[in-house]
Structure formats: structure tokens, C-alpha cells
Protein backbone atom coordinates (compact mmCIF):
# COMPACT_ATOMS: atom_id res chain seq x y z
CA MET A 1 4.89 -19.76 -5.22
CA GLY A 2 4.03 -17.29 -2.47
CA GLN A 3 1.57 -14.45 -2.12
CA ILE A 4 1.90 -10.85 -3.22
CA LEU A 5 0.92 -8.33 -0.54
CA ALA A 6 -0.25 -4.78 -1.28
CA ILE A 7 -0.07 -1.83 1.08
CA ASP A 8 -2.10 1.35 0.65
CA TYR A 9 0.00 3.50 2.99
CA GLY A 10 -1.84 6.48 4.44
CA LYS A 11 -1.13 9.19 6.98
CA ALA A 12 -2.60 7.26 9.92
CA ARG A 13 -3.29 3.73 8.74
CA CYS A 14 -2.61 1.27 5.94
CA GLY A 15 -4.95 -0.90 3.94
CA ILE A 16 -3.54 -4.38 3.34
CA ALA A 17 -4.50 -6.85 0.60
CA ALA A 18 -2.99 -10.15 -0.51
CA THR A 19 -3.21 -12.61 -3.35
CA ASP A 20 -3.83 -16.29 -3.02
CA ASP A 21 -0.74 -18.52 -3.23
CA MET A 22 -1.19 -18.84 -7.02
CA GLN A 23 -1.11 -15.02 -7.34
CA ILE A 24 -4.42 -14.92 -9.20
CA ILE A 25 -6.97 -13.25 -6.88
CA ALA A 26 -6.52 -10.11 -4.77
CA SER A 27 -8.44 -9.96 -1.49
CA GLY A 28 -8.63 -7.32 1.22
CA LEU A 29 -7.03 -8.45 4.47
CA GLU A 30 -6.87 -5.79 7.12
CA THR A 31 -6.49 -2.15 8.01
CA VAL A 32 -3.54 -1.51 10.30
CA GLU A 33 -2.42 1.61 12.16
CA ASN A 34 0.94 2.82 10.79
CA ARG A 35 2.64 2.36 14.15
CA SER A 36 1.64 -1.33 14.15
CA LEU A 37 2.44 -2.07 10.50
CA MET A 38 5.88 -3.68 10.90
CA GLU A 39 4.62 -5.88 13.74
CA PHE A 40 1.65 -6.95 11.61
CA LEU A 41 3.94 -7.76 8.67
CA LYS A 42 6.36 -9.81 10.82
CA LYS A 43 3.47 -11.91 12.11
CA TYR A 44 1.90 -12.26 8.66
CA PHE A 45 5.19 -13.26 7.01
CA ASN A 46 5.77 -15.88 9.72
CA GLU A 47 2.39 -17.44 8.94
CA ASN A 48 2.35 -17.00 5.13
CA LYS A 49 4.84 -17.22 2.29
CA VAL A 50 5.06 -13.79 0.65
CA ASP A 51 7.25 -13.29 -2.42
CA GLU A 52 6.60 -9.63 -3.19
CA VAL A 53 5.09 -6.47 -1.75
CA VAL A 54 3.42 -3.69 -3.74
CA VAL A 55 3.28 -0.26 -2.13
CA GLY A 56 0.98 2.38 -3.55
CA LEU A 57 2.58 5.43 -5.17
CA PRO A 58 0.45 8.50 -4.30
CA ILE A 59 0.46 10.69 -7.40
CA ASP A 60 -2.09 13.43 -8.08
CA LEU A 61 -3.66 14.32 -11.43
CA LYS A 62 -0.82 16.73 -12.23
CA GLY A 63 1.80 14.05 -11.67
CA ASN A 64 2.96 15.40 -8.31
CA VAL A 65 3.75 13.05 -5.47
CA SER A 66 1.67 13.45 -2.30
CA GLU A 67 3.26 14.60 0.97
CA VAL A 68 2.75 11.13 2.49
CA GLU A 69 5.43 9.86 0.06
CA THR A 70 8.15 10.93 2.53
CA ASP A 71 6.67 8.59 5.14
CA ILE A 72 6.27 5.84 2.55
CA LEU A 73 9.94 6.06 1.56
CA LYS A 74 10.96 5.79 5.24
CA PHE A 75 8.72 2.75 5.61
CA ILE A 76 10.18 1.09 2.48
CA GLU A 77 13.71 1.68 3.76
CA GLU A 78 12.83 0.06 7.10
CA PHE A 79 10.99 -2.75 5.30
CA LYS A 80 14.00 -3.58 3.10
CA LYS A 81 16.26 -3.76 6.16
CA GLU A 82 13.87 -6.11 7.95
CA PHE A 83 12.76 -8.22 4.94
CA SER A 84 15.63 -8.02 2.47
CA ASP A 85 14.53 -11.18 0.64
CA ILE A 86 11.11 -9.77 -0.34
CA ALA A 87 10.91 -7.67 -3.52
CA VAL A 88 9.20 -4.27 -3.22
CA HIS A 89 7.33 -2.70 -6.13
CA ARG A 90 5.62 0.67 -6.40
CA PHE A 91 2.31 1.08 -8.19
CA ASP A 92 0.33 4.21 -9.09
CA GLU A 93 -2.63 4.47 -6.73
CA ARG A 94 -4.46 7.33 -8.45
CA PHE A 95 -8.24 7.11 -8.10
CA THR A 96 -8.13 3.98 -5.90
CA SER A 97 -9.83 5.69 -2.93
CA LYS A 98 -12.56 7.08 -5.19
CA MET A 99 -13.00 3.69 -6.84
CA ALA A 100 -13.09 2.00 -3.44
CA SER A 101 -15.78 4.41 -2.22
CA PHE A 102 -17.81 3.78 -5.38
CA PHE A 103 -17.55 -0.03 -5.12
CA ILE A 104 -18.47 0.07 -1.44
CA SER A 105 -21.48 2.30 -2.18
CA GLN A 106 -22.63 -0.18 -4.83
CA SER A 107 -22.25 -3.13 -2.45
CA GLY A 108 -25.41 -2.39 -0.48
CA LYS A 109 -23.56 -1.72 2.79
CA SER A 110 -25.10 0.74 5.25
CA LYS A 111 -24.15 4.40 5.05
CA LYS A 112 -22.21 4.11 8.31
CA LYS A 113 -20.24 1.12 7.00
CA ARG A 114 -19.60 2.88 3.66
CA GLN A 115 -18.04 5.86 5.43
CA GLU A 116 -15.66 3.71 7.47
CA LYS A 117 -12.20 4.89 6.41
CA GLY A 118 -10.59 1.57 7.29
CA LEU A 119 -12.82 -0.24 4.83
CA ILE A 120 -11.92 2.24 2.09
CA ASP A 121 -8.19 1.71 2.80
CA LYS A 122 -8.55 -2.08 2.61
CA VAL A 123 -10.54 -1.94 -0.62
CA SER A 124 -8.02 0.56 -2.06
CA ALA A 125 -5.18 -1.87 -1.32
CA THR A 126 -7.17 -4.60 -3.08
CA ILE A 127 -7.63 -2.38 -6.15
CA ILE A 128 -3.91 -1.53 -6.22
CA LEU A 129 -3.05 -5.23 -6.05
CA GLN A 130 -5.59 -6.26 -8.69
CA ASN A 131 -4.31 -3.55 -11.06
CA PHE A 132 -0.72 -4.68 -10.41
CA LEU A 133 -1.67 -8.28 -11.26
CA GLU A 134 -3.47 -7.20 -14.45
CA GLN A 135 -0.51 -5.12 -15.58
CA ARG A 136 1.76 -8.16 -15.21
CA LEU A 137 -0.42 -10.09 -17.66
CA ARG A 138 0.01 -7.52 -20.44
């Protein structure tokens, strides 16, 4: 069994999280600039067995898809060409950034560290992945 990787795809950078090989625990990995994402994934997939990828679906409270969705769809198309043997899932990412900010604020980190956007992206990816895993158990 391989890992499941989650990507919180943003306008400038992506938060990345992964499960353990048993697909039980989600952990934040990295924050990667969009332009470096495919290179990061190639390296990561060479070093780790990954079975599936979950990409956040940016939907607002009214059910509308965010403008970054166009970029996400382009990325997914490129991803499927490069890694055709890895399944891609979409998962609603509503509230993950707010939840990430809350969890970080409760962690005791300094104000400067809490405001670091890269940390929020990584924690958001972890929340997306954990929610995806929990939904599978239902």
C-alpha cells in the first residue's frame, strides 16, 4: 500500500500533505511554489510510493467555484499526463484555511509564525487529507 498525497493548490503556492504508508495518519509535508510543483512531485514520487492524490476543490459558501479552479484544472490535466497511474480525487476545501489558522493560533506558535502563509497552506492540505480519509471510513 502506498501513500495518499493532498495538494491545497493556491494562486502562488501549494500546501502538500501525505499519509503514512498504511494511509492512516495525515501529516503536513511542504509548501511549494506553483512553478516548482511538478518537479517536487516527480522527486517525491521517485522516493515514495504514492497511490492517490487529493486536490482541494475551492468552493465558496454559495457553492461557487473560486477563480483559482481554472489553474487547478490545468494542473490536474498536466498531472494526469505525467502520472497516469496515480488516481486523482477532488475534495471540498471549504473552511480549511480558517481551520488551519485557528489550529495554528492554538498551537502556541509566535504571531510571526502564525501569519506565515506557507504554514497555513501546509496545514490546510493536512486538513483536506484528514477529512478525505475520514470520509472514506464512513
